[in-house]
PDB file of N, CA and C in Angstrom:
ATOM      1  N   UNK A   1     -74.806 -22.034  -5.580  1.00  0.00           N
ATOM      2  CA  UNK A   1     -74.578 -21.326  -3.980  1.00  0.00           C
ATOM      3  C   UNK A   1     -75.336 -22.049  -2.650  1.00  0.00           C
ATOM      4  N   UNK A   2     -74.780 -22.078  -1.577  1.00  0.00           N
ATOM      5  CA  UNK A   2     -75.218 -22.438  -0.473  1.00  0.00           C
ATOM      6  C   UNK A   2     -76.278 -21.765  -0.252  1.00  0.00           C
ATOM      7  N   UNK A   3     -77.311 -22.786   0.678  1.00  0.00           N
ATOM      8  CA  UNK A   3     -78.475 -21.733   1.131  1.00  0.00           C
ATOM      9  C   UNK A   3     -78.123 -21.427   2.527  1.00  0.00           C
ATOM     10  N   UNK A   4     -78.469 -19.939   2.495  1.00  0.00           N
ATOM     11  CA  UNK A   4     -77.842 -19.415   3.869  1.00  0.00           C
ATOM     12  C   UNK A   4     -78.927 -19.701   4.916  1.00  0.00           C
ATOM     13  N   UNK A   5     -79.968 -20.468   5.109  1.00  0.00           N
ATOM     14  CA  UNK A   5     -80.676 -20.696   6.305  1.00  0.00           C
ATOM     15  C   UNK A   5     -79.726 -22.379   7.081  1.00  0.00           C
ATOM     16  N   UNK A   6     -79.280 -22.807   6.055  1.00  0.00           N
ATOM     17  CA  UNK A   6     -78.981 -23.787   6.335  1.00  0.00           C
ATOM     18  C   UNK A   6     -77.325 -23.795   7.363  1.00  0.00           C
ATOM     19  N   UNK A   7     -77.234 -24.385   8.085  1.00  0.00           N
ATOM     20  CA  UNK A   7     -75.848 -24.607   9.046  1.00  0.00           C
ATOM     21  C   UNK A   7     -75.645 -25.687   9.126  1.00  0.00           C
ATOM     22  N   UNK A   8     -74.160 -25.555   7.867  1.00  0.00           N
ATOM     23  CA  UNK A   8     -73.259 -26.753   8.052  1.00  0.00           C
ATOM     24  C   UNK A   8     -72.191 -27.148   9.509  1.00  0.00           C
ATOM     25  N   UNK A   9     -72.098 -28.158   9.765  1.00  0.00           N
ATOM     26  CA  UNK A   9     -71.096 -28.437  10.718  1.00  0.00           C
ATOM     27  C   UNK A   9     -70.528 -29.099  10.539  1.00  0.00           C
ATOM     28  N   UNK A  10     -68.708 -28.497  10.718  1.00  0.00           N
ATOM     29  CA  UNK A  10     -67.976 -28.961   9.871  1.00  0.00           C
ATOM     30  C   UNK A  10     -67.198 -30.468  10.231  1.00  0.00           C
ATOM     31  N   UNK A  11     -66.918 -31.070   9.151  1.00  0.00           N
ATOM     32  CA  UNK A  11     -66.553 -32.743   9.316  1.00  0.00           C
ATOM     33  C   UNK A  11     -64.909 -32.339   9.074  1.00  0.00           C
ATOM     34  N   UNK A  12     -64.117 -32.170   9.781  1.00  0.00           N
ATOM     35  CA  UNK A  12     -62.328 -32.058   9.931  1.00  0.00           C
ATOM     36  C   UNK A  12     -61.904 -33.567   9.966  1.00  0.00           C
ATOM     37  N   UNK A  13     -62.505 -34.630  10.022  1.00  0.00           N
ATOM     38  CA  UNK A  13     -61.820 -35.758  10.309  1.00  0.00           C
ATOM     39  C   UNK A  13     -61.612 -36.047  12.008  1.00  0.00           C
ATOM     40  N   UNK A  14     -62.197 -35.191  12.320  1.00  0.00           N
ATOM     41  CA  UNK A  14     -62.214 -34.882  13.848  1.00  0.00           C
ATOM     42  C   UNK A  14     -63.750 -35.739  14.648  1.00  0.00           C
ATOM     43  N   UNK A  15     -63.539 -35.771  16.465  1.00  0.00           N
ATOM     44  CA  UNK A  15     -64.727 -36.263  16.831  1.00  0.00           C
ATOM     45  C   UNK A  15     -65.625 -35.053  16.900  1.00  0.00           C
ATOM     46  N   UNK A  16     -67.322 -35.549  16.887  1.00  0.00           N
ATOM     47  CA  UNK A  16     -68.406 -34.447  16.744  1.00  0.00           C
ATOM     48  C   UNK A  16     -68.707 -35.301  18.212  1.00  0.00           C
ATOM     49  N   UNK A  17     -69.100 -34.198  19.659  1.00  0.00           N
ATOM     50  CA  UNK A  17     -69.736 -34.666  20.783  1.00  0.00           C
ATOM     51  C   UNK A  17     -71.129 -33.904  21.228  1.00  0.00           C
ATOM     52  N   UNK A  18     -72.060 -34.859  21.204  1.00  0.00           N
ATOM     53  CA  UNK A  18     -73.441 -33.825  21.335  1.00  0.00           C
ATOM     54  C   UNK A  18     -73.762 -34.158  22.863  1.00  0.00           C
ATOM     55  N   UNK A  19     -74.331 -33.618  23.349  1.00  0.00           N
ATOM     56  CA  UNK A  19     -74.638 -33.323  24.662  1.00  0.00           C
ATOM     57  C   UNK A  19     -76.355 -32.837  24.774  1.00  0.00           C
ATOM     58  N   UNK A  20     -76.741 -33.521  25.697  1.00  0.00           N
ATOM     59  CA  UNK A  20     -78.007 -32.302  26.135  1.00  0.00           C
ATOM     60  C   UNK A  20     -78.775 -32.650  27.597  1.00  0.00           C
ATOM     61  N   UNK A  21     -79.112 -31.912  27.862  1.00  0.00           N
ATOM     62  CA  UNK A  21     -79.626 -31.511  29.256  1.00  0.00           C
ATOM     63  C   UNK A  21     -78.951 -31.609  30.327  1.00  0.00           C
ATOM     64  N   UNK A  22     -78.033 -30.854  30.063  1.00  0.00           N
ATOM     65  CA  UNK A  22     -76.938 -30.230  30.930  1.00  0.00           C
ATOM     66  C   UNK A  22     -77.230 -29.408  32.158  1.00  0.00           C
ATOM     67  N   UNK A  23     -78.536 -28.545  31.876  1.00  0.00           N
ATOM     68  CA  UNK A  23     -78.625 -27.811  32.851  1.00  0.00           C
ATOM     69  C   UNK A  23     -77.649 -27.285  34.144  1.00  0.00           C
ATOM     70  N   UNK A  24     -76.920 -26.751  33.866  1.00  0.00           N
ATOM     71  CA  UNK A  24     -75.430 -26.445  34.234  1.00  0.00           C
ATOM     72  C   UNK A  24     -75.944 -25.160  35.279  1.00  0.00           C
ATOM     73  N   UNK A  25     -76.776 -24.656  35.154  1.00  0.00           N
ATOM     74  CA  UNK A  25     -77.275 -23.550  36.555  1.00  0.00           C
ATOM     75  C   UNK A  25     -77.170 -24.368  37.472  1.00  0.00           C
ATOM     76  N   UNK A  26     -77.852 -25.580  37.528  1.00  0.00           N
ATOM     77  CA  UNK A  26     -78.016 -26.122  38.570  1.00  0.00           C
ATOM     78  C   UNK A  26     -76.535 -26.241  39.205  1.00  0.00           C
ATOM     79  N   UNK A  27     -75.660 -26.905  38.683  1.00  0.00           N
ATOM     80  CA  UNK A  27     -74.415 -27.390  39.144  1.00  0.00           C
ATOM     81  C   UNK A  27     -73.616 -26.008  39.671  1.00  0.00           C
ATOM     82  N   UNK A  28     -73.728 -24.845  38.830  1.00  0.00           N
ATOM     83  CA  UNK A  28     -73.152 -23.734  39.367  1.00  0.00           C
ATOM     84  C   UNK A  28     -73.620 -23.111  40.546  1.00  0.00           C
ATOM     85  N   UNK A  29     -74.929 -23.307  40.913  1.00  0.00           N
ATOM     86  CA  UNK A  29     -75.489 -23.395  42.125  1.00  0.00           C
ATOM     87  C   UNK A  29     -74.702 -23.623  43.488  1.00  0.00           C
ATOM     88  N   UNK A  30     -74.373 -25.124  43.169  1.00  0.00           N
ATOM     89  CA  UNK A  30     -73.585 -26.030  44.076  1.00  0.00           C
ATOM     90  C   UNK A  30     -72.124 -25.562  44.045  1.00  0.00           C
ATOM     91  N   UNK A  31     -71.704 -24.658  43.276  1.00  0.00           N
ATOM     92  CA  UNK A  31     -70.251 -24.638  42.679  1.00  0.00           C
ATOM     93  C   UNK A  31     -69.502 -26.094  42.208  1.00  0.00           C
ATOM     94  N   UNK A  32     -70.123 -26.766  41.965  1.00  0.00           N
ATOM     95  CA  UNK A  32     -69.529 -27.899  40.941  1.00  0.00           C
ATOM     96  C   UNK A  32     -68.986 -27.701  39.766  1.00  0.00           C
ATOM     97  N   UNK A  33     -68.046 -28.970  39.269  1.00  0.00           N
ATOM     98  CA  UNK A  33     -67.782 -29.232  37.889  1.00  0.00           C
ATOM     99  C   UNK A  33     -68.906 -30.035  37.330  1.00  0.00           C
ATOM    100  N   UNK A  34     -69.888 -29.941  36.773  1.00  0.00           N
ATOM    101  CA  UNK A  34     -70.722 -30.882  35.919  1.00  0.00           C
ATOM    102  C   UNK A  34     -70.080 -31.741  34.986  1.00  0.00           C
ATOM    103  N   UNK A  35     -69.027 -31.407  34.283  1.00  0.00           N
ATOM    104  CA  UNK A  35     -68.836 -32.292  33.441  1.00  0.00           C
ATOM    105  C   UNK A  35     -67.762 -33.259  33.799  1.00  0.00           C
ATOM    106  N   UNK A  36     -66.940 -32.535  34.733  1.00  0.00           N
ATOM    107  CA  UNK A  36     -66.310 -33.621  35.952  1.00  0.00           C
ATOM    108  C   UNK A  36     -67.044 -34.529  36.369  1.00  0.00           C
ATOM    109  N   UNK A  37     -67.687 -34.298  37.198  1.00  0.00           N
ATOM    110  CA  UNK A  37     -69.040 -34.914  37.653  1.00  0.00           C
ATOM    111  C   UNK A  37     -69.471 -36.297  37.384  1.00  0.00           C
ATOM    112  N   UNK A  38     -69.918 -35.901  36.149  1.00  0.00           N
ATOM    113  CA  UNK A  38     -70.174 -36.673  35.005  1.00  0.00           C
ATOM    114  C   UNK A  38     -69.225 -37.771  34.323  1.00  0.00           C
ATOM    115  N   UNK A  39     -68.239 -37.382  34.800  1.00  0.00           N
ATOM    116  CA  UNK A  39     -66.959 -38.133  34.018  1.00  0.00           C
ATOM    117  C   UNK A  39     -66.559 -37.778  32.619  1.00  0.00           C
ATOM    118  N   UNK A  40     -67.092 -36.562  32.344  1.00  0.00           N
ATOM    119  CA  UNK A  40     -67.275 -36.213  30.726  1.00  0.00           C
ATOM    120  C   UNK A  40     -66.027 -35.222  30.396  1.00  0.00           C
ATOM    121  N   UNK A  41     -65.255 -34.704  31.338  1.00  0.00           N
ATOM    122  CA  UNK A  41     -64.590 -33.969  31.053  1.00  0.00           C
ATOM    123  C   UNK A  41     -62.922 -34.680  30.506  1.00  0.00           C
ATOM    124  N   UNK A  42     -62.917 -35.559  31.197  1.00  0.00           N
ATOM    125  CA  UNK A  42     -61.621 -36.057  30.432  1.00  0.00           C
ATOM    126  C   UNK A  42     -61.841 -36.913  29.435  1.00  0.00           C
ATOM    127  N   UNK A  43     -63.100 -37.567  28.768  1.00  0.00           N
ATOM    128  CA  UNK A  43     -63.511 -38.197  27.748  1.00  0.00           C
ATOM    129  C   UNK A  43     -63.737 -37.586  26.798  1.00  0.00           C
ATOM    130  N   UNK A  44     -64.464 -36.529  26.775  1.00  0.00           N
ATOM    131  CA  UNK A  44     -65.127 -35.595  25.539  1.00  0.00           C
ATOM    132  C   UNK A  44     -63.839 -34.423  24.918  1.00  0.00           C
ATOM    133  N   UNK A  45     -63.327 -33.808  26.416  1.00  0.00           N
ATOM    134  CA  UNK A  45     -62.565 -32.754  25.717  1.00  0.00           C
ATOM    135  C   UNK A  45     -61.105 -33.066  25.924  1.00  0.00           C
ATOM    136  N   UNK A  46     -60.781 -34.263  25.774  1.00  0.00           N
ATOM    137  CA  UNK A  46     -59.020 -34.837  25.585  1.00  0.00           C
ATOM    138  C   UNK A  46     -58.723 -34.487  24.139  1.00  0.00           C
ATOM    139  N   UNK A  47     -60.011 -34.415  23.574  1.00  0.00           N
ATOM    140  CA  UNK A  47     -59.694 -34.521  22.175  1.00  0.00           C
ATOM    141  C   UNK A  47     -60.285 -33.017  21.246  1.00  0.00           C
ATOM    142  N   UNK A  48     -59.822 -32.864  20.172  1.00  0.00           N
ATOM    143  CA  UNK A  48     -59.679 -31.859  19.419  1.00  0.00           C
ATOM    144  C   UNK A  48     -61.167 -31.905  18.887  1.00  0.00           C
ATOM    145  N   UNK A  49     -62.023 -31.598  19.288  1.00  0.00           N
ATOM    146  CA  UNK A  49     -63.497 -31.639  18.532  1.00  0.00           C
ATOM    147  C   UNK A  49     -63.318 -30.618  17.418  1.00  0.00           C
ATOM    148  N   UNK A  50     -64.159 -31.238  16.632  1.00  0.00           N
ATOM    149  CA  UNK A  50     -64.626 -30.852  15.271  1.00  0.00           C
ATOM    150  C   UNK A  50     -65.890 -29.795  15.791  1.00  0.00           C
ATOM    151  N   UNK A  51     -66.564 -30.328  16.283  1.00  0.00           N
ATOM    152  CA  UNK A  51     -67.787 -29.404  17.132  1.00  0.00           C
ATOM    153  C   UNK A  51     -68.504 -30.256  18.262  1.00  0.00           C
ATOM    154  N   UNK A  52     -69.190 -29.302  18.891  1.00  0.00           N
ATOM    155  CA  UNK A  52     -69.756 -29.838  20.389  1.00  0.00           C
ATOM    156  C   UNK A  52     -71.193 -29.351  20.168  1.00  0.00           C
ATOM    157  N   UNK A  53     -72.228 -30.362  20.390  1.00  0.00           N
ATOM    158  CA  UNK A  53     -73.476 -29.657  19.321  1.00  0.00           C
ATOM    159  C   UNK A  53     -74.537 -30.079  20.992  1.00  0.00           C
ATOM    160  N   UNK A  54     -74.733 -28.611  21.860  1.00  0.00           N
ATOM    161  CA  UNK A  54     -75.704 -29.289  22.881  1.00  0.00           C
ATOM    162  C   UNK A  54     -77.288 -28.965  22.402  1.00  0.00           C
ATOM    163  N   UNK A  55     -77.606 -30.104  22.786  1.00  0.00           N
ATOM    164  CA  UNK A  55     -78.783 -30.876  22.081  1.00  0.00           C
ATOM    165  C   UNK A  55     -80.270 -30.263  22.820  1.00  0.00           C
ATOM    166  N   UNK A  56     -80.170 -29.301  23.541  1.00  0.00           N
ATOM    167  CA  UNK A  56     -81.024 -28.821  24.538  1.00  0.00           C
ATOM    168  C   UNK A  56     -80.901 -28.416  25.874  1.00  0.00           C
ATOM    169  N   UNK A  57     -81.465 -27.759  26.601  1.00  0.00           N
ATOM    170  CA  UNK A  57     -81.059 -27.378  28.363  1.00  0.00           C
ATOM    171  C   UNK A  57     -79.920 -27.346  28.275  1.00  0.00           C
ATOM    172  N   UNK A  58     -79.268 -26.332  27.961  1.00  0.00           N
ATOM    173  CA  UNK A  58     -77.830 -26.024  28.166  1.00  0.00           C
ATOM    174  C   UNK A  58     -77.660 -25.400  29.484  1.00  0.00           C
ATOM    175  N   UNK A  59     -78.881 -24.434  29.996  1.00  0.00           N
ATOM    176  CA  UNK A  59     -79.307 -23.917  31.295  1.00  0.00           C
ATOM    177  C   UNK A  59     -80.202 -24.263  31.900  1.00  0.00           C
ATOM    178  N   UNK A  60     -80.807 -23.461  32.690  1.00  0.00           N
ATOM    179  CA  UNK A  60     -81.958 -23.291  33.236  1.00  0.00           C
ATOM    180  C   UNK A  60     -83.259 -22.006  33.105  1.00  0.00           C
ATOM    181  N   UNK A  61     -82.264 -21.014  32.516  1.00  0.00           N
ATOM    182  CA  UNK A  61     -82.607 -19.711  32.664  1.00  0.00           C
ATOM    183  C   UNK A  61     -82.499 -19.149  31.241  1.00  0.00           C
ATOM    184  N   UNK A  62     -82.821 -18.153  30.625  1.00  0.00           N
ATOM    185  CA  UNK A  62     -82.370 -17.075  29.525  1.00  0.00           C
ATOM    186  C   UNK A  62     -82.062 -16.214  30.341  1.00  0.00           C
ATOM    187  N   UNK A  63     -80.800 -15.699  30.125  1.00  0.00           N
ATOM    188  CA  UNK A  63     -79.865 -14.803  30.447  1.00  0.00           C
ATOM    189  C   UNK A  63     -78.685 -14.600  31.186  1.00  0.00           C
ATOM    190  N   UNK A  64     -78.255 -14.612  32.298  1.00  0.00           N
ATOM    191  CA  UNK A  64     -76.400 -14.500  32.767  1.00  0.00           C
ATOM    192  C   UNK A  64     -76.643 -15.893  32.837  1.00  0.00           C
ATOM    193  N   UNK A  65     -77.415 -16.710  33.541  1.00  0.00           N
ATOM    194  CA  UNK A  65     -76.902 -18.287  33.409  1.00  0.00           C
ATOM    195  C   UNK A  65     -76.156 -19.068  32.076  1.00  0.00           C
ATOM    196  N   UNK A  66     -77.436 -18.503  31.272  1.00  0.00           N
ATOM    197  CA  UNK A  66     -76.674 -19.188  29.936  1.00  0.00           C
ATOM    198  C   UNK A  66     -75.620 -18.600  29.358  1.00  0.00           C
ATOM    199  N   UNK A  67     -75.036 -17.430  30.145  1.00  0.00           N
ATOM    200  CA  UNK A  67     -73.787 -16.486  29.275  1.00  0.00           C
ATOM    201  C   UNK A  67     -73.129 -17.322  30.046  1.00  0.00           C
ATOM    202  N   UNK A  68     -73.240 -18.010  31.608  1.00  0.00           N
ATOM    203  CA  UNK A  68     -72.136 -18.497  32.109  1.00  0.00           C
ATOM    204  C   UNK A  68     -71.854 -19.752  31.385  1.00  0.00           C
ATOM    205  N   UNK A  69     -72.754 -20.505  31.192  1.00  0.00           N
ATOM    206  CA  UNK A  69     -72.751 -21.974  30.595  1.00  0.00           C
ATOM    207  C   UNK A  69     -71.979 -21.824  29.050  1.00  0.00           C
ATOM    208  N   UNK A  70     -72.545 -20.829  28.385  1.00  0.00           N
ATOM    209  CA  UNK A  70     -71.442 -20.678  26.958  1.00  0.00           C
ATOM    210  C   UNK A  70     -70.162 -20.501  27.310  1.00  0.00           C
ATOM    211  N   UNK A  71     -69.835 -19.748  28.195  1.00  0.00           N
ATOM    212  CA  UNK A  71     -68.325 -19.359  28.816  1.00  0.00           C
ATOM    213  C   UNK A  71     -67.745 -20.840  29.408  1.00  0.00           C
ATOM    214  N   UNK A  72     -68.523 -21.582  30.070  1.00  0.00           N
ATOM    215  CA  UNK A  72     -67.764 -22.225  30.715  1.00  0.00           C
ATOM    216  C   UNK A  72     -67.311 -23.419  29.737  1.00  0.00           C
ATOM    217  N   UNK A  73     -68.330 -23.925  28.592  1.00  0.00           N
ATOM    218  CA  UNK A  73     -68.062 -24.631  27.569  1.00  0.00           C
ATOM    219  C   UNK A  73     -66.858 -24.375  26.730  1.00  0.00           C
ATOM    220  N   UNK A  74     -66.777 -23.109  26.858  1.00  0.00           N
ATOM    221  CA  UNK A  74     -65.614 -22.596  26.027  1.00  0.00           C
ATOM    222  C   UNK A  74     -64.471 -22.841  26.462  1.00  0.00           C
ATOM    223  N   UNK A  75     -64.345 -23.033  27.536  1.00  0.00           N
ATOM    224  CA  UNK A  75     -62.980 -23.551  28.231  1.00  0.00           C
ATOM    225  C   UNK A  75     -62.587 -24.536  27.678  1.00  0.00           C
ATOM    226  N   UNK A  76     -63.593 -25.694  27.368  1.00  0.00           N
ATOM    227  CA  UNK A  76     -63.074 -26.406  26.832  1.00  0.00           C
ATOM    228  C   UNK A  76     -62.634 -26.752  25.499  1.00  0.00           C
ATOM    229  N   UNK A  77     -64.439 -25.949  24.725  1.00  0.00           N
ATOM    230  CA  UNK A  77     -63.954 -25.917  23.033  1.00  0.00           C
ATOM    231  C   UNK A  77     -64.027 -24.958  22.467  1.00  0.00           C
ATOM    232  N   UNK A  78     -63.366 -24.541  21.755  1.00  0.00           N
ATOM    233  CA  UNK A  78     -63.294 -23.379  21.020  1.00  0.00           C
ATOM    234  C   UNK A  78     -65.081 -22.703  20.864  1.00  0.00           C
ATOM    235  N   UNK A  79     -65.216 -21.610  21.569  1.00  0.00           N
ATOM    236  CA  UNK A  79     -66.904 -21.453  21.042  1.00  0.00           C
ATOM    237  C   UNK A  79     -67.354 -21.139  19.621  1.00  0.00           C
ATOM    238  N   UNK A  80     -66.493 -21.246  18.748  1.00  0.00           N
ATOM    239  CA  UNK A  80     -67.000 -20.770  17.209  1.00  0.00           C
ATOM    240  C   UNK A  80     -67.215 -22.634  16.968  1.00  0.00           C
ATOM    241  N   UNK A  81     -66.721 -23.446  17.431  1.00  0.00           N
ATOM    242  CA  UNK A  81     -66.978 -24.905  17.664  1.00  0.00           C
ATOM    243  C   UNK A  81     -68.142 -25.512  18.288  1.00  0.00           C
ATOM    244  N   UNK A  82     -69.188 -24.967  18.981  1.00  0.00           N
ATOM    245  CA  UNK A  82     -70.249 -24.885  19.848  1.00  0.00           C
ATOM    246  C   UNK A  82     -71.818 -24.269  19.087  1.00  0.00           C
ATOM    247  N   UNK A  83     -72.297 -25.556  18.849  1.00  0.00           N
ATOM    248  CA  UNK A  83     -73.667 -25.483  18.411  1.00  0.00           C
ATOM    249  C   UNK A  83     -74.391 -25.729  19.179  1.00  0.00           C
ATOM    250  N   UNK A  84     -75.560 -24.585  19.180  1.00  0.00           N
ATOM    251  CA  UNK A  84     -76.516 -24.727  20.322  1.00  0.00           C
ATOM    252  C   UNK A  84     -78.212 -24.774  19.799  1.00  0.00           C
ATOM    253  N   UNK A  85     -79.020 -26.129  20.013  1.00  0.00           N
ATOM    254  CA  UNK A  85     -80.065 -26.119  20.101  1.00  0.00           C
ATOM    255  C   UNK A  85     -80.634 -25.905  20.666  1.00  0.00           C
ATOM    256  N   UNK A  86     -81.687 -24.833  21.083  1.00  0.00           N
ATOM    257  CA  UNK A  86     -82.307 -24.689  22.492  1.00  0.00           C
ATOM    258  C   UNK A  86     -83.632 -25.766  22.806  1.00  0.00           C
ATOM    259  N   UNK A  87     -83.445 -26.084  24.072  1.00  0.00           N
ATOM    260  CA  UNK A  87     -84.539 -26.699  24.530  1.00  0.00           C
ATOM    261  C   UNK A  87     -85.254 -26.229  25.158  1.00  0.00           C
ATOM    262  N   UNK A  88     -86.703 -26.464  26.060  1.00  0.00           N
ATOM    263  CA  UNK A  88     -87.573 -25.493  26.539  1.00  0.00           C
ATOM    264  C   UNK A  88     -86.961 -24.675  27.765  1.00  0.00           C
ATOM    265  N   UNK A  89     -86.179 -25.216  28.840  1.00  0.00           N
ATOM    266  CA  UNK A  89     -85.624 -24.609  29.947  1.00  0.00           C
ATOM    267  C   UNK A  89     -84.530 -23.740  29.444  1.00  0.00           C
ATOM    268  N   UNK A  90     -83.841 -23.417  28.343  1.00  0.00           N
ATOM    269  CA  UNK A  90     -83.270 -22.216  27.887  1.00  0.00           C
ATOM    270  C   UNK A  90     -83.999 -21.059  27.700  1.00  0.00           C
ATOM    271  N   UNK A  91     -85.016 -21.133  27.519  1.00  0.00           N
ATOM    272  CA  UNK A  91     -86.070 -19.815  27.305  1.00  0.00           C
ATOM    273  C   UNK A  91     -86.969 -19.579  28.918  1.00  0.00           C
ATOM    274  N   UNK A  92     -86.543 -20.767  29.725  1.00  0.00           N
ATOM    275  CA  UNK A  92     -86.946 -19.687  30.900  1.00  0.00           C
ATOM    276  C   UNK A  92     -87.078 -19.055  31.499  1.00  0.00           C
ATOM    277  N   UNK A  93     -88.260 -18.008  32.194  1.00  0.00           N
ATOM    278  CA  UNK A  93     -87.859 -16.856  32.489  1.00  0.00           C
ATOM    279  C   UNK A  93     -87.692 -15.649  30.835  1.00  0.00           C
ATOM    280  N   UNK A  94     -88.068 -16.006  30.098  1.00  0.00           N
ATOM    281  CA  UNK A  94     -88.286 -15.496  28.505  1.00  0.00           C
ATOM    282  C   UNK A  94     -89.673 -15.760  28.061  1.00  0.00           C
ATOM    283  N   UNK A  95     -89.854 -16.002  26.695  1.00  0.00           N
ATOM    284  CA  UNK A  95     -90.558 -16.928  26.191  1.00  0.00           C
ATOM    285  C   UNK A  95     -90.142 -17.654  25.168  1.00  0.00           C
ATOM    286  N   UNK A  96     -91.193 -18.478  24.634  1.00  0.00           N
ATOM    287  CA  UNK A  96     -90.486 -19.585  23.636  1.00  0.00           C
ATOM    288  C   UNK A  96     -90.546 -19.096  22.241  1.00  0.00           C
ATOM    289  N   UNK A  97     -90.939 -18.090  21.823  1.00  0.00           N
ATOM    290  CA  UNK A  97     -90.873 -17.273  20.702  1.00  0.00           C
ATOM    291  C   UNK A  97     -89.717 -16.182  21.107  1.00  0.00           C
ATOM    292  N   UNK A  98     -89.090 -16.603  22.088  1.00  0.00           N
ATOM    293  CA  UNK A  98     -88.204 -15.359  22.110  1.00  0.00           C
ATOM    294  C   UNK A  98     -86.705 -15.556  21.489  1.00  0.00           C
ATOM    295  N   UNK A  99     -86.675 -16.637  19.900  1.00  0.00           N
ATOM    296  CA  UNK A  99     -85.517 -17.135  19.598  1.00  0.00           C
ATOM    297  C   UNK A  99     -84.273 -15.894  19.449  1.00  0.00           C
ATOM    298  N   UNK A 100     -85.028 -14.867  18.952  1.00  0.00           N
ATOM    299  CA  UNK A 100     -83.843 -13.828  18.775  1.00  0.00           C
ATOM    300  C   UNK A 100     -83.207 -13.113  19.851  1.00  0.00           C
ATOM    301  N   UNK A 101     -83.705 -13.340  21.344  1.00  0.00           N
ATOM    302  CA  UNK A 101     -82.796 -12.791  22.338  1.00  0.00           C
ATOM    303  C   UNK A 101     -82.047 -13.877  22.681  1.00  0.00           C
ATOM    304  N   UNK A 102     -82.205 -15.240  22.402  1.00  0.00           N
ATOM    305  CA  UNK A 102     -81.164 -16.541  22.692  1.00  0.00           C
ATOM    306  C   UNK A 102     -80.239 -16.665  21.987  1.00  0.00           C
ATOM    307  N   UNK A 103     -80.653 -16.163  20.568  1.00  0.00           N
ATOM    308  CA  UNK A 103     -79.684 -16.472  18.980  1.00  0.00           C
ATOM    309  C   UNK A 103     -78.739 -15.279  19.688  1.00  0.00           C
ATOM    310  N   UNK A 104     -79.123 -14.187  20.151  1.00  0.00           N
ATOM    311  CA  UNK A 104     -78.002 -12.813  20.146  1.00  0.00           C
ATOM    312  C   UNK A 104     -77.203 -13.347  21.716  1.00  0.00           C
ATOM    313  N   UNK A 105     -77.559 -14.042  22.211  1.00  0.00           N
ATOM    314  CA  UNK A 105     -76.747 -14.404  23.364  1.00  0.00           C
ATOM    315  C   UNK A 105     -75.432 -15.294  22.524  1.00  0.00           C
ATOM    316  N   UNK A 106     -76.077 -16.545  22.318  1.00  0.00           N
ATOM    317  CA  UNK A 106     -75.041 -17.617  21.905  1.00  0.00           C
ATOM    318  C   UNK A 106     -74.297 -16.794  20.820  1.00  0.00           C
ATOM    319  N   UNK A 107     -74.456 -16.150  19.981  1.00  0.00           N
ATOM    320  CA  UNK A 107     -73.862 -15.648  18.963  1.00  0.00           C
ATOM    321  C   UNK A 107     -72.815 -14.423  19.655  1.00  0.00           C
ATOM    322  N   UNK A 108     -72.918 -13.606  20.340  1.00  0.00           N
ATOM    323  CA  UNK A 108     -72.140 -12.945  21.435  1.00  0.00           C
ATOM    324  C   UNK A 108     -71.223 -13.752  21.873  1.00  0.00           C
ATOM    325  N   UNK A 109     -71.341 -14.822  22.202  1.00  0.00           N
ATOM    326  CA  UNK A 109     -70.174 -15.586  22.612  1.00  0.00           C
ATOM    327  C   UNK A 109     -69.023 -16.106  21.858  1.00  0.00           C
ATOM    328  N   UNK A 110     -69.918 -16.069  20.511  1.00  0.00           N
ATOM    329  CA  UNK A 110     -69.160 -16.631  19.323  1.00  0.00           C
ATOM    330  C   UNK A 110     -69.419 -18.096  18.685  1.00  0.00           C
ATOM    331  N   UNK A 111     -70.624 -18.565  19.344  1.00  0.00           N
ATOM    332  CA  UNK A 111     -71.625 -20.008  19.170  1.00  0.00           C
ATOM    333  C   UNK A 111     -72.061 -19.521  17.887  1.00  0.00           C
ATOM    334  N   UNK A 112     -72.312 -20.873  17.553  1.00  0.00           N
ATOM    335  CA  UNK A 112     -73.498 -21.088  16.457  1.00  0.00           C
ATOM    336  C   UNK A 112     -75.009 -21.136  17.147  1.00  0.00           C
ATOM    337  N   UNK A 113     -75.763 -20.612  16.840  1.00  0.00           N
ATOM    338  CA  UNK A 113     -77.373 -20.963  16.778  1.00  0.00           C
ATOM    339  C   UNK A 113     -77.864 -21.377  16.033  1.00  0.00           C
ATOM    340  N   UNK A 114     -78.592 -23.171  16.703  1.00  0.00           N
ATOM    341  CA  UNK A 114     -78.869 -24.104  15.380  1.00  0.00           C
ATOM    342  C   UNK A 114     -80.453 -24.040  15.453  1.00  0.00           C
ATOM    343  N   UNK A 115     -81.494 -22.805  15.314  1.00  0.00           N
ATOM    344  CA  UNK A 115     -82.113 -23.078  14.925  1.00  0.00           C
ATOM    345  C   UNK A 115     -82.819 -22.073  13.784  1.00  0.00           C
ATOM    346  N   UNK A 116     -83.805 -22.385  13.472  1.00  0.00           N
ATOM    347  CA  UNK A 116     -84.115 -21.808  12.069  1.00  0.00           C
ATOM    348  C   UNK A 116     -85.216 -20.463  12.898  1.00  0.00           C
ATOM    349  N   UNK A 117     -84.854 -18.809  12.702  1.00  0.00           N
ATOM    350  CA  UNK A 117     -85.435 -18.117  13.379  1.00  0.00           C
ATOM    351  C   UNK A 117     -86.103 -17.085  12.211  1.00  0.00           C
TER     352      UNK A 117
END
């Protein structure tokens, strides 16, 4: 029987993308498209990704900006293929031990929270 504390990322033979330190709130304030700005929009999301792993600092604040960032990514990759490993800035205006609140936001978007809680 599989260990329920282990999150397995699917491998269906497609690509897996790993991005970190996007800090999307900063781009949203300026009205920009961060993936396009960095040349990632066409390069990463023209393929049917098996998974998108965000390795920390998706946003800069725990709350609505994190929800906006998750919704933004879901325009490119189905939400259930997005895996969030939180970074310190994802907890800003919250507490570093507030995994439950962050997890609930990520899961509420239909994505995966990849941190032991």
